[in-house]
Amino acid sequence: MKKFIKGIGIYFFIVMTILFLIGYQGFDLPKFKKIGKHIFFDKKIDYFETFMEGKNSINLILGSSITRDSMIPDSLGNNWFSFTNSSQNIYNSFKFLKFYQGSIKIDTIIVGIQPFDFPNSYIKNREQDKPYNNDSFHIYGSYIANNKISTKNKIQKIKSSLFPDLLNMQILIKHGDFREKRDIWTKQGFSGWINRPKLNLEMLYNTQLKNERRAYQYFYNVSKKPNMKYFDLFNDLAKSLNIKVIYLLTAKSKYYHLDLAKYEYDSIWNNILDSLKSRKVEVWNYEKMNTDNFKFKWFGNDDTHSTYDGAKAFTKIIRERLRD
């Protein structure tokens, strides 16, 4: 009980400090966010540039946190590096690849594909942080400016990025750890949540509002006629560099697929898949694999992000397919 009270006290102290900073005239939200998010990103860049040293060629894993949590590069081989980050879209990956194209030969890229890689626009009609974009990629020329937001939205953005929701908070306090466990675990860039709290996905499906669901967040600003502009930028660049690219669709829970049907996103996604097929690119689609057959929880705190056990199992599947 003392730990719980102490945890609540720390939580509200931090919240009040943030509110004070927001009210302070000189407060700059992007600079504040850099304290955590960008420092982590800079660390991954250091790891990547060190990884390239002394190598004739490398292989890459690119994509958002969904791909990050699903693939362990060390298990694929010594030449694999995972430059995957929260909210990383395919335009971010394009700018990253363009920046390093002359630095080293890249043989193969596995890049995770998500609905937010095909929005009508990353700039117009934004809703807080959607469509997803990783602001840290501005160093590669991939900065997407947000419109001015109100103080209320500033508070919500900081709360969402720095603090777990109430259910996560209770779990973390119960286990004696009030921090989100995020770090780079290996020299090859793996930074998945090894000790992610495992939540009840059925309960979330029955209680969350539509705008809290991952399907809504991923499909925000994506229309039935898919915008292939950002995908084509990446694909054309990789093709010009003679890089073998595998577009990967990671496993999704049955609740995610229920949402696709419920909110009529399935037709949008099928149009995107048809557009990929018409481009004759290599797509490895594992979205509907039956993860319930495994003796562990494949998903952590939502419908799409793998647990560490899920990542180990999925990486084994991909490794065997690469060998074949």
Protein backbone atom coordinates (compact mmCIF):
# COMPACT_ATOMS: atom_id res chain seq x y z
CA MET A 1 0.00 0.00 0.00
CA LYS A 2 2.89 2.36 0.82
CA LYS A 3 4.44 1.70 -2.61
CA PHE A 4 1.12 2.50 -4.29
CA ILE A 5 0.72 5.79 -2.41
CA LYS A 6 4.33 6.69 -3.13
CA GLY A 7 3.85 5.90 -6.83
CA ILE A 8 0.69 8.02 -7.03
CA GLY A 9 2.49 10.88 -5.29
CA ILE A 10 5.39 10.76 -7.76
CA TYR A 11 2.96 10.60 -10.68
CA PHE A 12 1.03 13.71 -9.63
CA PHE A 13 4.21 15.60 -8.77
CA ILE A 14 5.49 15.03 -12.32
CA VAL A 15 2.12 15.96 -13.83
CA MET A 16 2.01 19.23 -11.86
CA THR A 17 5.58 20.02 -12.89
CA ILE A 18 4.67 19.52 -16.55
CA LEU A 19 1.58 21.72 -16.19
CA PHE A 20 3.77 24.43 -14.68
CA LEU A 21 6.22 24.16 -17.59
CA ILE A 22 3.38 24.35 -20.12
CA GLY A 23 2.15 27.53 -18.47
CA TYR A 24 5.63 29.02 -18.48
CA GLN A 25 6.07 31.47 -21.36
CA GLY A 26 9.35 30.04 -22.61
CA PHE A 27 8.22 26.38 -22.70
CA ASP A 28 8.92 24.65 -26.02
CA LEU A 29 7.12 21.31 -26.50
CA PRO A 30 9.47 19.91 -29.20
CA LYS A 31 12.52 20.65 -27.01
CA PHE A 32 10.82 19.02 -24.03
CA LYS A 33 9.99 15.87 -25.98
CA LYS A 34 13.60 15.64 -27.16
CA ILE A 35 14.70 14.92 -23.60
CA GLY A 36 13.45 11.35 -23.95
CA LYS A 37 12.44 10.48 -27.48
CA HIS A 38 15.24 12.13 -29.45
CA ILE A 39 18.02 11.06 -27.08
CA PHE A 40 16.91 7.45 -27.55
CA PHE A 41 16.89 8.01 -31.33
CA ASP A 42 20.38 9.52 -31.28
CA LYS A 43 21.63 6.50 -29.37
CA LYS A 44 20.27 4.18 -32.05
CA ILE A 45 22.03 6.22 -34.74
CA ASP A 46 25.32 5.80 -32.86
CA TYR A 47 24.75 2.06 -32.67
CA PHE A 48 23.96 1.90 -36.39
CA GLU A 49 26.98 3.88 -37.54
CA THR A 50 29.24 1.78 -35.33
CA PHE A 51 27.60 -1.38 -36.73
CA MET A 52 28.51 -0.35 -40.30
CA GLU A 53 32.21 0.04 -39.55
CA GLY A 54 34.40 -2.57 -41.22
CA LYS A 55 31.55 -4.23 -43.14
CA ASN A 56 31.35 -4.62 -46.91
CA SER A 57 27.55 -4.85 -46.88
CA ILE A 58 24.64 -5.04 -44.46
CA ASN A 59 20.96 -5.99 -44.23
CA LEU A 60 18.32 -3.77 -42.66
CA ILE A 61 14.99 -4.06 -40.86
CA LEU A 62 12.95 -0.86 -41.13
CA GLY A 63 9.52 0.16 -39.91
CA SER A 64 7.49 1.26 -36.92
CA SER A 65 7.34 -0.10 -33.37
CA ILE A 66 5.15 -2.94 -34.64
CA THR A 67 8.07 -4.23 -36.69
CA ARG A 68 10.53 -3.28 -33.97
CA ASP A 69 8.76 -5.49 -31.44
CA SER A 70 8.33 -8.39 -33.89
CA MET A 71 11.88 -8.88 -35.18
CA ILE A 72 15.16 -9.61 -33.38
CA PRO A 73 17.98 -8.81 -35.84
CA ASP A 74 20.64 -10.73 -33.91
CA SER A 75 18.71 -13.94 -34.57
CA LEU A 76 18.78 -13.35 -38.34
CA GLY A 77 22.57 -13.06 -38.54
CA ASN A 78 25.52 -10.80 -37.81
CA ASN A 79 24.86 -8.55 -40.80
CA TRP A 80 21.33 -7.51 -39.78
CA PHE A 81 20.49 -4.21 -38.08
CA SER A 82 17.05 -3.04 -36.99
CA PHE A 83 16.52 0.69 -37.45
CA THR A 84 12.89 0.59 -36.34
CA ASN A 85 11.30 3.22 -34.15
CA SER A 86 8.01 4.32 -32.69
CA SER A 87 5.70 5.85 -35.36
CA GLN A 88 8.29 5.37 -38.11
CA ASN A 89 6.45 5.52 -41.43
CA ILE A 90 7.72 4.55 -44.88
CA TYR A 91 8.53 8.16 -45.75
CA ASN A 92 10.79 8.29 -42.68
CA SER A 93 12.44 5.07 -43.89
CA PHE A 94 12.83 6.56 -47.39
CA LYS A 95 14.70 9.59 -46.02
CA PHE A 96 16.86 7.34 -43.86
CA LEU A 97 17.77 5.12 -46.83
CA LYS A 98 18.45 8.14 -49.04
CA PHE A 99 20.80 9.59 -46.43
CA TYR A 100 22.90 6.41 -46.08
CA GLN A 101 22.71 5.18 -49.69
CA GLY A 102 26.32 6.09 -50.42
CA SER A 103 27.74 4.96 -47.06
CA ILE A 104 27.59 1.19 -47.48
CA LYS A 105 26.16 -1.50 -49.74
CA ILE A 106 22.79 -2.78 -48.57
CA ASP A 107 21.87 -6.27 -49.76
CA THR A 108 18.40 -6.85 -48.29
CA ILE A 109 15.80 -4.77 -46.49
CA ILE A 110 12.83 -6.12 -44.59
CA VAL A 111 10.42 -3.21 -44.13
CA GLY A 112 7.22 -3.42 -42.15
CA ILE A 113 4.12 -2.03 -43.87
CA GLN A 114 1.17 -0.49 -42.01
CA PRO A 115 -1.95 1.48 -43.06
CA PHE A 116 -0.38 4.77 -41.93
CA ASP A 117 2.21 4.38 -44.71
CA PHE A 118 -0.55 5.31 -47.19
CA PRO A 119 -2.32 8.43 -45.85
CA ASN A 120 -3.81 11.13 -48.03
CA SER A 121 -1.32 13.47 -46.38
CA TYR A 122 0.99 13.58 -43.37
CA ILE A 123 0.50 17.34 -43.08
CA LYS A 124 -3.14 18.12 -43.82
CA ASN A 125 -6.02 17.01 -41.59
CA ARG A 126 -3.84 15.86 -38.71
CA GLU A 127 -5.32 14.69 -35.40
CA GLN A 128 -2.70 15.15 -32.66
CA ASP A 129 0.02 12.63 -33.65
CA LYS A 130 -1.92 10.96 -36.50
CA PRO A 131 -1.14 9.96 -39.22
CA TYR A 132 1.88 8.55 -37.43
CA ASN A 133 5.25 10.14 -38.03
CA ASN A 134 8.49 10.01 -36.06
CA ASP A 135 9.63 13.61 -35.52
CA SER A 136 13.22 12.51 -34.90
CA PHE A 137 13.67 11.84 -38.60
CA HIS A 138 13.83 15.61 -39.20
CA ILE A 139 17.62 15.20 -39.09
CA TYR A 140 17.32 13.27 -42.37
CA GLY A 141 15.03 15.91 -43.87
CA SER A 142 11.81 14.11 -42.97
CA TYR A 143 10.28 16.66 -40.63
CA ILE A 144 6.51 16.98 -40.86
CA ALA A 145 5.30 20.14 -39.13
CA ASN A 146 2.17 19.97 -36.99
CA ASN A 147 -0.32 22.79 -36.87
CA LYS A 148 -0.41 24.90 -33.72
CA ILE A 149 -2.19 23.07 -30.96
CA SER A 150 -4.02 24.24 -27.89
CA THR A 151 -2.68 24.01 -24.33
CA LYS A 152 -5.22 21.24 -23.68
CA ASN A 153 -3.84 19.19 -26.58
CA LYS A 154 -0.26 19.87 -25.45
CA ILE A 155 -1.13 18.37 -22.07
CA GLN A 156 -2.74 15.35 -23.72
CA LYS A 157 0.24 14.79 -26.06
CA ILE A 158 2.72 14.87 -23.18
CA LYS A 159 0.52 12.65 -21.01
CA SER A 160 0.18 10.10 -23.83
CA SER A 161 3.87 10.00 -24.64
CA LEU A 162 5.28 9.98 -21.10
CA PHE A 163 2.71 8.19 -18.96
CA PRO A 164 0.94 4.83 -19.20
CA ASP A 165 -2.83 4.73 -19.00
CA LEU A 166 -4.43 4.00 -15.61
CA LEU A 167 -4.55 0.23 -16.20
CA ASN A 168 -0.87 0.10 -17.21
CA MET A 169 0.04 2.32 -14.27
CA GLN A 170 -1.62 -0.06 -11.81
CA ILE A 171 0.27 -3.01 -13.31
CA LEU A 172 3.62 -1.19 -13.20
CA ILE A 173 3.12 -0.06 -9.61
CA LYS A 174 2.08 -3.58 -8.61
CA HIS A 175 5.34 -4.96 -9.98
CA GLY A 176 7.39 -2.25 -8.30
CA ASP A 177 8.44 -0.45 -11.46
CA PHE A 178 6.94 2.90 -12.41
CA ARG A 179 8.96 3.38 -15.64
CA GLU A 180 8.18 2.35 -19.20
CA LYS A 181 10.86 -0.19 -20.11
CA ARG A 182 12.35 1.22 -23.30
CA ASP A 183 15.99 0.76 -24.25
CA ILE A 184 18.24 -0.56 -27.00
CA TRP A 185 18.94 -4.10 -25.90
CA THR A 186 21.49 -5.19 -28.51
CA LYS A 187 24.24 -3.70 -30.66
CA GLN A 188 22.20 -4.67 -33.73
CA GLY A 189 19.40 -2.32 -32.81
CA PHE A 190 16.82 -4.53 -31.14
CA SER A 191 14.81 -2.34 -28.78
CA GLY A 192 11.55 -4.20 -28.24
CA TRP A 193 9.78 -4.19 -24.91
CA ILE A 194 11.21 -7.30 -23.30
CA ASN A 195 9.12 -6.91 -20.13
CA ARG A 196 5.99 -5.32 -21.60
CA PRO A 197 2.92 -5.76 -19.33
CA LYS A 198 0.46 -8.25 -20.83
CA LEU A 199 -3.08 -6.92 -20.84
CA ASN A 200 -6.45 -8.53 -21.45
CA LEU A 201 -7.11 -7.79 -25.14
CA GLU A 202 -10.70 -9.03 -24.98
CA MET A 203 -11.46 -6.60 -22.17
CA LEU A 204 -9.87 -3.73 -24.14
CA TYR A 205 -11.90 -4.67 -27.21
CA ASN A 206 -15.11 -4.50 -25.20
CA THR A 207 -14.34 -1.29 -23.30
CA GLN A 208 -12.24 1.01 -25.47
CA LEU A 209 -13.78 3.77 -27.55
CA LYS A 210 -13.31 3.73 -31.32
CA ASN A 211 -10.64 6.43 -31.30
CA GLU A 212 -8.66 4.43 -28.71
CA ARG A 213 -8.48 1.37 -30.95
CA ARG A 214 -5.33 0.68 -32.95
CA ALA A 215 -7.26 0.13 -36.16
CA TYR A 216 -8.73 3.64 -35.97
CA GLN A 217 -5.33 5.14 -35.21
CA TYR A 218 -3.58 3.30 -38.04
CA PHE A 219 -6.23 4.07 -40.65
CA TYR A 220 -6.64 7.72 -39.74
CA ASN A 221 -6.60 9.85 -42.94
CA VAL A 222 -6.30 6.76 -45.18
CA SER A 223 -8.92 6.62 -47.93
CA LYS A 224 -10.32 3.83 -50.09
CA LYS A 225 -8.20 5.04 -52.98
CA PRO A 226 -4.76 4.49 -51.46
CA ASN A 227 -2.07 7.12 -51.74
CA MET A 228 0.98 5.20 -52.96
CA LYS A 229 3.23 8.28 -53.20
CA TYR A 230 5.33 7.56 -50.12
CA PHE A 231 5.57 3.85 -50.82
CA ASP A 232 6.71 4.51 -54.39
CA LEU A 233 9.41 6.91 -53.20
CA PHE A 234 10.88 4.18 -51.01
CA ASN A 235 10.40 1.36 -53.50
CA ASP A 236 11.87 3.27 -56.46
CA LEU A 237 14.93 4.31 -54.46
CA ALA A 238 15.57 0.75 -53.23
CA LYS A 239 15.15 -0.55 -56.78
CA SER A 240 17.65 1.99 -58.13
CA LEU A 241 20.17 0.78 -55.53
CA ASN A 242 19.61 -2.91 -56.48
CA ILE A 243 18.43 -3.75 -52.96
CA LYS A 244 16.25 -6.79 -52.44
CA VAL A 245 13.20 -5.56 -50.50
CA ILE A 246 10.74 -7.71 -48.59
CA TYR A 247 7.59 -5.89 -47.48
CA LEU A 248 6.49 -7.50 -44.25
CA LEU A 249 3.02 -7.65 -42.71
CA THR A 250 3.42 -8.83 -39.13
CA ALA A 251 0.89 -10.85 -37.16
CA LYS A 252 -2.20 -9.04 -35.87
CA SER A 253 -4.61 -10.24 -33.20
CA LYS A 254 -8.12 -11.43 -33.95
CA TYR A 255 -9.44 -8.29 -32.25
CA TYR A 256 -7.61 -6.09 -34.75
CA HIS A 257 -9.24 -8.01 -37.60
CA LEU A 258 -12.63 -7.70 -35.89
CA ASP A 259 -12.11 -3.94 -35.86
CA LEU A 260 -11.25 -3.92 -39.58
CA ALA A 261 -14.63 -5.44 -40.33
CA LYS A 262 -16.52 -3.46 -37.70
CA TYR A 263 -15.27 -0.07 -38.89
CA GLU A 264 -15.11 -1.05 -42.59
CA TYR A 265 -11.36 -0.67 -42.86
CA ASP A 266 -10.97 -4.09 -44.47
CA SER A 267 -11.93 -2.78 -47.93
CA ILE A 268 -9.37 0.03 -47.62
CA TRP A 269 -6.66 -2.43 -46.63
CA ASN A 270 -7.57 -4.81 -49.47
CA ASN A 271 -7.20 -1.93 -51.94
CA ILE A 272 -3.74 -1.22 -50.55
CA LEU A 273 -2.77 -4.89 -50.87
CA ASP A 274 -4.05 -4.92 -54.46
CA SER A 275 -1.94 -1.84 -55.21
CA LEU A 276 1.13 -3.60 -53.83
CA LYS A 277 0.35 -6.67 -55.91
CA SER A 278 0.08 -4.60 -59.09
CA ARG A 279 3.60 -3.29 -58.44
CA LYS A 280 4.93 -6.85 -58.35
CA VAL A 281 6.81 -6.33 -55.11
CA GLU A 282 7.62 -9.12 -52.68
CA VAL A 283 5.14 -9.15 -49.80
CA TRP A 284 5.33 -11.58 -46.87
CA ASN A 285 1.89 -11.47 -45.27
CA TYR A 286 1.56 -12.96 -41.78
CA GLU A 287 -1.29 -10.75 -40.58
CA LYS A 288 -3.76 -13.59 -40.21
CA MET A 289 -1.46 -16.25 -38.80
CA ASN A 290 -3.05 -18.08 -35.87
CA THR A 291 -1.09 -16.86 -32.87
CA ASP A 292 -3.52 -18.59 -30.47
CA ASN A 293 -1.79 -21.90 -31.27
CA PHE A 294 1.27 -20.84 -29.28
CA LYS A 295 1.59 -21.53 -25.56
CA PHE A 296 2.26 -17.93 -24.66
CA LYS A 297 0.64 -14.53 -25.14
CA TRP A 298 1.75 -13.29 -28.53
CA PHE A 299 0.54 -9.71 -28.01
CA GLY A 300 1.37 -7.34 -25.17
CA ASN A 301 -0.68 -4.26 -24.39
CA ASP A 302 -2.57 -3.93 -27.69
CA ASP A 303 -3.72 -5.82 -30.79
CA THR A 304 -0.57 -5.43 -32.88
CA HIS A 305 2.61 -5.21 -30.80
CA SER A 306 4.34 -8.51 -30.04
CA THR A 307 5.63 -9.66 -26.70
CA TYR A 308 9.25 -10.76 -26.49
CA ASP A 309 8.11 -14.38 -26.77
CA GLY A 310 6.18 -13.46 -29.91
CA ALA A 311 9.24 -11.74 -31.35
CA LYS A 312 11.41 -14.82 -30.79
CA ALA A 313 8.87 -17.10 -32.46
CA PHE A 314 8.24 -14.74 -35.38
CA THR A 315 11.94 -14.11 -36.00
CA LYS A 316 12.48 -17.86 -36.21
CA ILE A 317 9.78 -18.08 -38.90
CA ILE A 318 11.38 -15.28 -40.92
CA ARG A 319 14.90 -16.71 -40.49
CA GLU A 320 13.83 -20.08 -41.87
CA ARG A 321 12.07 -18.46 -44.81
CA LEU A 322 15.14 -16.35 -45.61
CA ARG A 323 17.27 -19.49 -45.64
CA ASP A 324 14.83 -21.21 -47.99
